[in-house]
Amino acid sequence: MKKVLATLVAAAFLCAPAMSLAGDETDMAKLPCKEFIKAPENEMGILLGWIDGYMSAKSDNTMMSQAWMEKLGKHMGEFCAKNPDKTIMQAMEAMPE
């Protein structure tokens, strides 16, 4: 299961069109929640993959699971819907353990 999930995330990065959030580059530290929740479905996987990787690097936790990705996606969606002017970094910091 881990290999399948890792392969899907890698495929999303390689096959998805360039992110349209802000052109060629996006400063993820400044990305507002209102832009995150408006992202097309094909970009949402890339964003959540980046968020998971960033959080994993900070916590030194290299485990990945479908349950975690679902929890992460749910939290980010709910937090950002309630706080559209906050950044995704603030949403990540508010992620419950």
PDB file of N, CA and C in Angstrom:
ATOM      1  N   MET A   1       0.824  -1.195   0.000  1.00  0.00           N
ATOM      2  CA  MET A   1       0.000   0.000   0.000  1.00  0.00           C
ATOM      3  C   MET A   1       0.868   1.259   0.000  1.00  0.00           C
ATOM      4  N   LYS A   2       1.958   1.247   0.765  1.00  0.00           N
ATOM      5  CA  LYS A   2       2.840   2.412   0.830  1.00  0.00           C
ATOM      6  C   LYS A   2       3.457   2.706  -0.534  1.00  0.00           C
ATOM      7  N   LYS A   3       3.859   1.626  -1.235  1.00  0.00           N
ATOM      8  CA  LYS A   3       4.463   1.818  -2.550  1.00  0.00           C
ATOM      9  C   LYS A   3       3.457   2.413  -3.524  1.00  0.00           C
ATOM     10  N   VAL A   4       2.212   1.948  -3.449  1.00  0.00           N
ATOM     11  CA  VAL A   4       1.171   2.452  -4.349  1.00  0.00           C
ATOM     12  C   VAL A   4       0.924   3.929  -4.098  1.00  0.00           C
ATOM     13  N   LEU A   5       0.803   4.319  -2.837  1.00  0.00           N
ATOM     14  CA  LEU A   5       0.546   5.714  -2.496  1.00  0.00           C
ATOM     15  C   LEU A   5       1.725   6.595  -2.906  1.00  0.00           C
ATOM     16  N   ALA A   6       2.938   6.131  -2.652  1.00  0.00           N
ATOM     17  CA  ALA A   6       4.119   6.901  -3.041  1.00  0.00           C
ATOM     18  C   ALA A   6       4.194   7.048  -4.556  1.00  0.00           C
ATOM     19  N   THR A   7       3.854   5.994  -5.274  1.00  0.00           N
ATOM     20  CA  THR A   7       3.863   6.043  -6.737  1.00  0.00           C
ATOM     21  C   THR A   7       2.829   7.028  -7.250  1.00  0.00           C
ATOM     22  N   LEU A   8       1.648   7.040  -6.644  1.00  0.00           N
ATOM     23  CA  LEU A   8       0.600   7.974  -7.071  1.00  0.00           C
ATOM     24  C   LEU A   8       1.000   9.421  -6.821  1.00  0.00           C
ATOM     25  N   VAL A   9       1.619   9.681  -5.685  1.00  0.00           N
ATOM     26  CA  VAL A   9       2.061  11.047  -5.389  1.00  0.00           C
ATOM     27  C   VAL A   9       3.139  11.464  -6.388  1.00  0.00           C
ATOM     28  N   ALA A  10       4.086  10.573  -6.653  1.00  0.00           N
ATOM     29  CA  ALA A  10       5.143  10.882  -7.622  1.00  0.00           C
ATOM     30  C   ALA A  10       4.559  11.125  -9.002  1.00  0.00           C
ATOM     31  N   ALA A  11       3.598  10.316  -9.399  1.00  0.00           N
ATOM     32  CA  ALA A  11       2.967  10.485 -10.710  1.00  0.00           C
ATOM     33  C   ALA A  11       2.236  11.818 -10.795  1.00  0.00           C
ATOM     34  N   ALA A  12       1.613  12.222  -9.715  1.00  0.00           N
ATOM     35  CA  ALA A  12       0.908  13.508  -9.714  1.00  0.00           C
ATOM     36  C   ALA A  12       1.877  14.651  -9.946  1.00  0.00           C
ATOM     37  N   PHE A  13       3.044  14.574  -9.336  1.00  0.00           N
ATOM     38  CA  PHE A  13       4.053  15.616  -9.516  1.00  0.00           C
ATOM     39  C   PHE A  13       4.577  15.639 -10.941  1.00  0.00           C
ATOM     40  N   LEU A  14       4.790  14.470 -11.523  1.00  0.00           N
ATOM     41  CA  LEU A  14       5.388  14.391 -12.848  1.00  0.00           C
ATOM     42  C   LEU A  14       4.408  14.648 -13.977  1.00  0.00           C
ATOM     43  N   CYS A  15       3.161  14.262 -13.799  1.00  0.00           N
ATOM     44  CA  CYS A  15       2.191  14.309 -14.892  1.00  0.00           C
ATOM     45  C   CYS A  15       1.269  15.513 -14.858  1.00  0.00           C
ATOM     46  N   ALA A  16       1.158  16.162 -13.713  1.00  0.00           N
ATOM     47  CA  ALA A  16       0.225  17.281 -13.607  1.00  0.00           C
ATOM     48  C   ALA A  16       0.771  18.493 -14.357  1.00  0.00           C
ATOM     49  N   PRO A  17      -0.127  19.292 -14.909  1.00  0.00           N
ATOM     50  CA  PRO A  17       0.327  20.518 -15.552  1.00  0.00           C
ATOM     51  C   PRO A  17       0.910  21.477 -14.524  1.00  0.00           C
ATOM     52  N   ALA A  18       1.654  22.445 -15.000  1.00  0.00           N
ATOM     53  CA  ALA A  18       2.264  23.424 -14.102  1.00  0.00           C
ATOM     54  C   ALA A  18       1.190  24.093 -13.258  1.00  0.00           C
ATOM     55  N   MET A  19       1.538  24.365 -12.025  1.00  0.00           N
ATOM     56  CA  MET A  19       0.569  24.978 -11.116  1.00  0.00           C
ATOM     57  C   MET A  19       0.177  26.356 -11.631  1.00  0.00           C
ATOM     58  N   SER A  20      -1.090  26.627 -11.594  1.00  0.00           N
ATOM     59  CA  SER A  20      -1.587  27.905 -12.084  1.00  0.00           C
ATOM     60  C   SER A  20      -1.854  28.894 -10.957  1.00  0.00           C
ATOM     61  N   LEU A  21      -1.478  28.538  -9.744  1.00  0.00           N
ATOM     62  CA  LEU A  21      -1.775  29.415  -8.624  1.00  0.00           C
ATOM     63  C   LEU A  21      -1.091  30.762  -8.752  1.00  0.00           C
ATOM     64  N   ALA A  22       0.138  30.767  -9.195  1.00  0.00           N
ATOM     65  CA  ALA A  22       0.839  32.052  -9.281  1.00  0.00           C
ATOM     66  C   ALA A  22       1.901  32.023 -10.368  1.00  0.00           C
ATOM     67  N   GLY A  23       1.644  31.371 -11.450  1.00  0.00           N
ATOM     68  CA  GLY A  23       2.619  31.334 -12.532  1.00  0.00           C
ATOM     69  C   GLY A  23       3.668  30.272 -12.320  1.00  0.00           C
ATOM     70  N   ASP A  24       4.925  30.630 -12.622  1.00  0.00           N
ATOM     71  CA  ASP A  24       6.020  29.668 -12.567  1.00  0.00           C
ATOM     72  C   ASP A  24       6.431  29.280 -11.157  1.00  0.00           C
ATOM     73  N   GLU A  25       6.296  30.194 -10.224  1.00  0.00           N
ATOM     74  CA  GLU A  25       6.728  29.933  -8.857  1.00  0.00           C
ATOM     75  C   GLU A  25       5.632  30.333  -7.881  1.00  0.00           C
ATOM     76  N   THR A  26       5.572  29.613  -6.774  1.00  0.00           N
ATOM     77  CA  THR A  26       4.621  29.926  -5.720  1.00  0.00           C
ATOM     78  C   THR A  26       5.359  29.918  -4.402  1.00  0.00           C
ATOM     79  N   ASP A  27       5.290  31.008  -3.663  1.00  0.00           N
ATOM     80  CA  ASP A  27       5.868  31.058  -2.326  1.00  0.00           C
ATOM     81  C   ASP A  27       4.856  30.416  -1.385  1.00  0.00           C
ATOM     82  N   MET A  28       5.099  29.165  -1.053  1.00  0.00           N
ATOM     83  CA  MET A  28       4.144  28.409  -0.253  1.00  0.00           C
ATOM     84  C   MET A  28       3.928  29.026   1.125  1.00  0.00           C
ATOM     85  N   ALA A  29       4.914  29.747   1.652  1.00  0.00           N
ATOM     86  CA  ALA A  29       4.767  30.380   2.960  1.00  0.00           C
ATOM     87  C   ALA A  29       3.734  31.503   2.928  1.00  0.00           C
ATOM     88  N   LYS A  30       3.471  32.028   1.742  1.00  0.00           N
ATOM     89  CA  LYS A  30       2.527  33.144   1.617  1.00  0.00           C
ATOM     90  C   LYS A  30       1.211  32.743   0.969  1.00  0.00           C
ATOM     91  N   LEU A  31       1.065  31.481   0.600  1.00  0.00           N
ATOM     92  CA  LEU A  31      -0.146  31.037  -0.096  1.00  0.00           C
ATOM     93  C   LEU A  31      -1.354  31.118   0.832  1.00  0.00           C
ATOM     94  N   PRO A  32      -2.335  31.981   0.509  1.00  0.00           N
ATOM     95  CA  PRO A  32      -3.505  32.094   1.377  1.00  0.00           C
ATOM     96  C   PRO A  32      -4.444  30.907   1.222  1.00  0.00           C
ATOM     97  N   CYS A  33      -5.141  30.630   2.296  1.00  0.00           N
ATOM     98  CA  CYS A  33      -6.100  29.531   2.291  1.00  0.00           C
ATOM     99  C   CYS A  33      -7.143  29.683   1.185  1.00  0.00           C
ATOM    100  N   LYS A  34      -7.544  30.925   0.896  1.00  0.00           N
ATOM    101  CA  LYS A  34      -8.569  31.110  -0.135  1.00  0.00           C
ATOM    102  C   LYS A  34      -8.076  30.625  -1.493  1.00  0.00           C
ATOM    103  N   GLU A  35      -6.781  30.708  -1.760  1.00  0.00           N
ATOM    104  CA  GLU A  35      -6.224  30.181  -3.004  1.00  0.00           C
ATOM    105  C   GLU A  35      -6.111  28.660  -2.936  1.00  0.00           C
ATOM    106  N   PHE A  36      -5.756  28.156  -1.775  1.00  0.00           N
ATOM    107  CA  PHE A  36      -5.636  26.710  -1.594  1.00  0.00           C
ATOM    108  C   PHE A  36      -6.972  26.018  -1.876  1.00  0.00           C
ATOM    109  N   ILE A  37      -8.054  26.528  -1.295  1.00  0.00           N
ATOM    110  CA  ILE A  37      -9.338  25.844  -1.458  1.00  0.00           C
ATOM    111  C   ILE A  37      -9.925  26.033  -2.853  1.00  0.00           C
ATOM    112  N   LYS A  38      -9.435  26.999  -3.614  1.00  0.00           N
ATOM    113  CA  LYS A  38      -9.896  27.194  -4.997  1.00  0.00           C
ATOM    114  C   LYS A  38      -9.076  26.393  -6.003  1.00  0.00           C
ATOM    115  N   ALA A  39      -8.017  25.729  -5.547  1.00  0.00           N
ATOM    116  CA  ALA A  39      -7.129  25.000  -6.458  1.00  0.00           C
ATOM    117  C   ALA A  39      -7.890  23.884  -7.165  1.00  0.00           C
ATOM    118  N   PRO A  40      -7.620  23.704  -8.455  1.00  0.00           N
ATOM    119  CA  PRO A  40      -8.237  22.594  -9.176  1.00  0.00           C
ATOM    120  C   PRO A  40      -7.834  21.258  -8.562  1.00  0.00           C
ATOM    121  N   GLU A  41      -8.654  20.258  -8.774  1.00  0.00           N
ATOM    122  CA  GLU A  41      -8.418  18.938  -8.173  1.00  0.00           C
ATOM    123  C   GLU A  41      -7.037  18.385  -8.526  1.00  0.00           C
ATOM    124  N   ASN A  42      -6.597  18.582  -9.763  1.00  0.00           N
ATOM    125  CA  ASN A  42      -5.290  18.038 -10.150  1.00  0.00           C
ATOM    126  C   ASN A  42      -4.135  18.746  -9.441  1.00  0.00           C
ATOM    127  N   GLU A  43      -4.339  19.956  -8.972  1.00  0.00           N
ATOM    128  CA  GLU A  43      -3.305  20.662  -8.218  1.00  0.00           C
ATOM    129  C   GLU A  43      -3.400  20.373  -6.731  1.00  0.00           C
ATOM    130  N   MET A  44      -4.576  19.992  -6.254  1.00  0.00           N
ATOM    131  CA  MET A  44      -4.764  19.727  -4.833  1.00  0.00           C
ATOM    132  C   MET A  44      -3.856  18.591  -4.371  1.00  0.00           C
ATOM    133  N   GLY A  45      -3.715  17.550  -5.180  1.00  0.00           N
ATOM    134  CA  GLY A  45      -2.825  16.446  -4.822  1.00  0.00           C
ATOM    135  C   GLY A  45      -1.387  16.903  -4.692  1.00  0.00           C
ATOM    136  N   ILE A  46      -0.971  17.794  -5.578  1.00  0.00           N
ATOM    137  CA  ILE A  46       0.392  18.328  -5.520  1.00  0.00           C
ATOM    138  C   ILE A  46       0.562  19.163  -4.247  1.00  0.00           C
ATOM    139  N   LEU A  47      -0.412  20.003  -3.961  1.00  0.00           N
ATOM    140  CA  LEU A  47      -0.333  20.842  -2.762  1.00  0.00           C
ATOM    141  C   LEU A  47      -0.287  19.994  -1.500  1.00  0.00           C
ATOM    142  N   LEU A  48      -1.178  18.999  -1.404  1.00  0.00           N
ATOM    143  CA  LEU A  48      -1.184  18.152  -0.216  1.00  0.00           C
ATOM    144  C   LEU A  48       0.099  17.335  -0.109  1.00  0.00           C
ATOM    145  N   GLY A  49       0.640  16.908  -1.238  1.00  0.00           N
ATOM    146  CA  GLY A  49       1.920  16.201  -1.222  1.00  0.00           C
ATOM    147  C   GLY A  49       3.034  17.087  -0.705  1.00  0.00           C
ATOM    148  N   TRP A  50       3.040  18.354  -1.138  1.00  0.00           N
ATOM    149  CA  TRP A  50       4.049  19.293  -0.661  1.00  0.00           C
ATOM    150  C   TRP A  50       3.877  19.527   0.840  1.00  0.00           C
ATOM    151  N   ILE A  51       2.633  19.738   1.269  1.00  0.00           N
ATOM    152  CA  ILE A  51       2.359  19.986   2.690  1.00  0.00           C
ATOM    153  C   ILE A  51       2.817  18.794   3.530  1.00  0.00           C
ATOM    154  N   ASP A  52       2.494  17.585   3.084  1.00  0.00           N
ATOM    155  CA  ASP A  52       2.906  16.393   3.819  1.00  0.00           C
ATOM    156  C   ASP A  52       4.432  16.321   3.897  1.00  0.00           C
ATOM    157  N   GLY A  53       5.105  16.575   2.792  1.00  0.00           N
ATOM    158  CA  GLY A  53       6.561  16.536   2.785  1.00  0.00           C
ATOM    159  C   GLY A  53       7.173  17.577   3.706  1.00  0.00           C
ATOM    160  N   TYR A  54       6.626  18.777   3.687  1.00  0.00           N
ATOM    161  CA  TYR A  54       7.128  19.846   4.542  1.00  0.00           C
ATOM    162  C   TYR A  54       6.956  19.473   6.012  1.00  0.00           C
ATOM    163  N   MET A  55       5.751  18.997   6.347  1.00  0.00           N
ATOM    164  CA  MET A  55       5.481  18.628   7.729  1.00  0.00           C
ATOM    165  C   MET A  55       6.341  17.436   8.157  1.00  0.00           C
ATOM    166  N   SER A  56       6.562  16.503   7.249  1.00  0.00           N
ATOM    167  CA  SER A  56       7.389  15.334   7.563  1.00  0.00           C
ATOM    168  C   SER A  56       8.832  15.741   7.825  1.00  0.00           C
ATOM    169  N   ALA A  57       9.335  16.670   7.037  1.00  0.00           N
ATOM    170  CA  ALA A  57      10.714  17.137   7.236  1.00  0.00           C
ATOM    171  C   ALA A  57      10.861  17.834   8.584  1.00  0.00           C
ATOM    172  N   LYS A  58       9.873  18.620   8.967  1.00  0.00           N
ATOM    173  CA  LYS A  58       9.943  19.332  10.252  1.00  0.00           C
ATOM    174  C   LYS A  58       9.865  18.379  11.430  1.00  0.00           C
ATOM    175  N   SER A  59       9.057  17.308  11.292  1.00  0.00           N
ATOM    176  CA  SER A  59       8.857  16.391  12.417  1.00  0.00           C
ATOM    177  C   SER A  59       9.788  15.184  12.375  1.00  0.00           C
ATOM    178  N   ASP A  60      10.535  15.044  11.279  1.00  0.00           N
ATOM    179  CA  ASP A  60      11.400  13.889  11.070  1.00  0.00           C
ATOM    180  C   ASP A  60      10.604  12.587  11.063  1.00  0.00           C
ATOM    181  N   ASN A  61       9.361  12.680  10.640  1.00  0.00           N
ATOM    182  CA  ASN A  61       8.498  11.503  10.524  1.00  0.00           C
ATOM    183  C   ASN A  61       8.402  11.151   9.047  1.00  0.00           C
ATOM    184  N   THR A  62       8.934  10.018   8.678  1.00  0.00           N
ATOM    185  CA  THR A  62       8.944   9.628   7.270  1.00  0.00           C
ATOM    186  C   THR A  62       7.809   8.679   6.914  1.00  0.00           C
ATOM    187  N   MET A  63       6.907   8.434   7.831  1.00  0.00           N
ATOM    188  CA  MET A  63       5.774   7.538   7.558  1.00  0.00           C
ATOM    189  C   MET A  63       4.680   8.282   6.788  1.00  0.00           C
ATOM    190  N   MET A  64       4.035   7.550   5.904  1.00  0.00           N
ATOM    191  CA  MET A  64       2.927   8.105   5.125  1.00  0.00           C
ATOM    192  C   MET A  64       1.847   7.036   5.045  1.00  0.00           C
ATOM    193  N   SER A  65       0.606   7.446   5.200  1.00  0.00           N
ATOM    194  CA  SER A  65      -0.488   6.487   5.117  1.00  0.00           C
ATOM    195  C   SER A  65      -1.704   7.161   4.499  1.00  0.00           C
ATOM    196  N   GLN A  66      -2.590   6.367   4.009  1.00  0.00           N
ATOM    197  CA  GLN A  66      -3.828   6.888   3.440  1.00  0.00           C
ATOM    198  C   GLN A  66      -4.636   7.604   4.526  1.00  0.00           C
ATOM    199  N   ALA A  67      -4.671   7.021   5.713  1.00  0.00           N
ATOM    200  CA  ALA A  67      -5.423   7.644   6.815  1.00  0.00           C
ATOM    201  C   ALA A  67      -4.861   9.030   7.133  1.00  0.00           C
ATOM    202  N   TRP A  68      -3.526   9.149   7.155  1.00  0.00           N
ATOM    203  CA  TRP A  68      -2.901  10.454   7.434  1.00  0.00           C
ATOM    204  C   TRP A  68      -3.253  11.457   6.341  1.00  0.00           C
ATOM    205  N   MET A  69      -3.154  11.050   5.084  1.00  0.00           N
ATOM    206  CA  MET A  69      -3.436  11.975   3.985  1.00  0.00           C
ATOM    207  C   MET A  69      -4.894  12.430   4.015  1.00  0.00           C
ATOM    208  N   GLU A  70      -5.801  11.524   4.377  1.00  0.00           N
ATOM    209  CA  GLU A  70      -7.212  11.905   4.500  1.00  0.00           C
ATOM    210  C   GLU A  70      -7.409  12.888   5.645  1.00  0.00           C
ATOM    211  N   LYS A  71      -6.745  12.629   6.779  1.00  0.00           N
ATOM    212  CA  LYS A  71      -6.835  13.541   7.931  1.00  0.00           C
ATOM    213  C   LYS A  71      -6.256  14.909   7.578  1.00  0.00           C
ATOM    214  N   LEU A  72      -5.125  14.905   6.899  1.00  0.00           N
ATOM    215  CA  LEU A  72      -4.489  16.153   6.480  1.00  0.00           C
ATOM    216  C   LEU A  72      -5.385  16.933   5.524  1.00  0.00           C
ATOM    217  N   GLY A  73      -5.913  16.256   4.513  1.00  0.00           N
ATOM    218  CA  GLY A  73      -6.791  16.911   3.549  1.00  0.00           C
ATOM    219  C   GLY A  73      -8.035  17.489   4.204  1.00  0.00           C
ATOM    220  N   LYS A  74      -8.625  16.720   5.118  1.00  0.00           N
ATOM    221  CA  LYS A  74      -9.829  17.188   5.823  1.00  0.00           C
ATOM    222  C   LYS A  74      -9.509  18.423   6.662  1.00  0.00           C
ATOM    223  N   HIS A  75      -8.413  18.350   7.413  1.00  0.00           N
ATOM    224  CA  HIS A  75      -8.041  19.497   8.248  1.00  0.00           C
ATOM    225  C   HIS A  75      -7.785  20.739   7.405  1.00  0.00           C
ATOM    226  N   MET A  76      -6.984  20.585   6.353  1.00  0.00           N
ATOM    227  CA  MET A  76      -6.638  21.746   5.524  1.00  0.00           C
ATOM    228  C   MET A  76      -7.898  22.355   4.911  1.00  0.00           C
ATOM    229  N   GLY A  77      -8.786  21.513   4.403  1.00  0.00           N
ATOM    230  CA  GLY A  77     -10.019  22.008   3.797  1.00  0.00           C
ATOM    231  C   GLY A  77     -10.903  22.739   4.789  1.00  0.00           C
ATOM    232  N   GLU A  78     -11.091  22.141   5.970  1.00  0.00           N
ATOM    233  CA  GLU A  78     -11.958  22.748   6.985  1.00  0.00           C
ATOM    234  C   GLU A  78     -11.341  24.036   7.537  1.00  0.00           C
ATOM    235  N   PHE A  79     -10.041  23.993   7.853  1.00  0.00           N
ATOM    236  CA  PHE A  79      -9.379  25.181   8.401  1.00  0.00           C
ATOM    237  C   PHE A  79      -9.427  26.323   7.393  1.00  0.00           C
ATOM    238  N   CYS A  80      -9.087  26.018   6.157  1.00  0.00           N
ATOM    239  CA  CYS A  80      -9.024  27.069   5.136  1.00  0.00           C
ATOM    240  C   CYS A  80     -10.405  27.624   4.789  1.00  0.00           C
ATOM    241  N   ALA A  81     -11.437  26.776   4.835  1.00  0.00           N
ATOM    242  CA  ALA A  81     -12.794  27.262   4.579  1.00  0.00           C
ATOM    243  C   ALA A  81     -13.227  28.256   5.664  1.00  0.00           C
ATOM    244  N   LYS A  82     -12.809  28.009   6.897  1.00  0.00           N
ATOM    245  CA  LYS A  82     -13.174  28.889   8.015  1.00  0.00           C
ATOM    246  C   LYS A  82     -12.253  30.104   8.137  1.00  0.00           C
ATOM    247  N   ASN A  83     -11.053  30.005   7.560  1.00  0.00           N
ATOM    248  CA  ASN A  83     -10.037  31.055   7.708  1.00  0.00           C
ATOM    249  C   ASN A  83      -9.406  31.391   6.359  1.00  0.00           C
ATOM    250  N   PRO A  84     -10.178  31.895   5.417  1.00  0.00           N
ATOM    251  CA  PRO A  84      -9.655  32.093   4.058  1.00  0.00           C
ATOM    252  C   PRO A  84      -8.490  33.065   3.948  1.00  0.00           C
ATOM    253  N   ASP A  85      -8.339  33.974   4.897  1.00  0.00           N
ATOM    254  CA  ASP A  85      -7.255  34.948   4.820  1.00  0.00           C
ATOM    255  C   ASP A  85      -5.984  34.505   5.536  1.00  0.00           C
ATOM    256  N   LYS A  86      -6.046  33.368   6.220  1.00  0.00           N
ATOM    257  CA  LYS A  86      -4.834  32.802   6.829  1.00  0.00           C
ATOM    258  C   LYS A  86      -4.033  32.109   5.732  1.00  0.00           C
ATOM    259  N   THR A  87      -2.790  31.776   6.024  1.00  0.00           N
ATOM    260  CA  THR A  87      -1.951  31.082   5.042  1.00  0.00           C
ATOM    261  C   THR A  87      -2.017  29.570   5.283  1.00  0.00           C
ATOM    262  N   ILE A  88      -1.572  28.823   4.268  1.00  0.00           N
ATOM    263  CA  ILE A  88      -1.560  27.372   4.469  1.00  0.00           C
ATOM    264  C   ILE A  88      -0.531  26.990   5.529  1.00  0.00           C
ATOM    265  N   MET A  89       0.491  27.814   5.730  1.00  0.00           N
ATOM    266  CA  MET A  89       1.459  27.548   6.795  1.00  0.00           C
ATOM    267  C   MET A  89       0.766  27.638   8.157  1.00  0.00           C
ATOM    268  N   GLN A  90      -0.111  28.615   8.314  1.00  0.00           N
ATOM    269  CA  GLN A  90      -0.862  28.732   9.561  1.00  0.00           C
ATOM    270  C   GLN A  90      -1.819  27.555   9.721  1.00  0.00           C
ATOM    271  N   ALA A  91      -2.384  27.093   8.624  1.00  0.00           N
ATOM    272  CA  ALA A  91      -3.262  25.920   8.668  1.00  0.00           C
ATOM    273  C   ALA A  91      -2.472  24.682   9.100  1.00  0.00           C
ATOM    274  N   MET A  92      -1.249  24.548   8.579  1.00  0.00           N
ATOM    275  CA  MET A  92      -0.415  23.405   8.950  1.00  0.00           C
ATOM    276  C   MET A  92      -0.055  23.463  10.432  1.00  0.00           C
ATOM    277  N   GLU A  93       0.251  24.650  10.933  1.00  0.00           N
ATOM    278  CA  GLU A  93       0.603  24.801  12.341  1.00  0.00           C
ATOM    279  C   GLU A  93      -0.574  24.455  13.246  1.00  0.00           C
ATOM    280  N   ALA A  94      -1.790  24.614  12.754  1.00  0.00           N
ATOM    281  CA  ALA A  94      -2.986  24.318  13.542  1.00  0.00           C
ATOM    282  C   ALA A  94      -3.417  22.856  13.436  1.00  0.00           C
ATOM    283  N   MET A  95      -2.657  22.046  12.711  1.00  0.00           N
ATOM    284  CA  MET A  95      -2.998  20.642  12.520  1.00  0.00           C
ATOM    285  C   MET A  95      -2.913  19.902  13.859  1.00  0.00           C
ATOM    286  N   PRO A  96      -4.026  19.259  14.261  1.00  0.00           N
ATOM    287  CA  PRO A  96      -3.965  18.499  15.516  1.00  0.00           C
ATOM    288  C   PRO A  96      -3.059  17.275  15.362  1.00  0.00           C
ATOM    289  N   GLU A  97      -2.507  16.838  16.446  1.00  0.00           N
ATOM    290  CA  GLU A  97      -1.592  15.678  16.435  1.00  0.00           C
ATOM    291  C   GLU A  97      -2.306  14.423  15.999  1.00  0.00           C
TER     292      GLU A  97
END
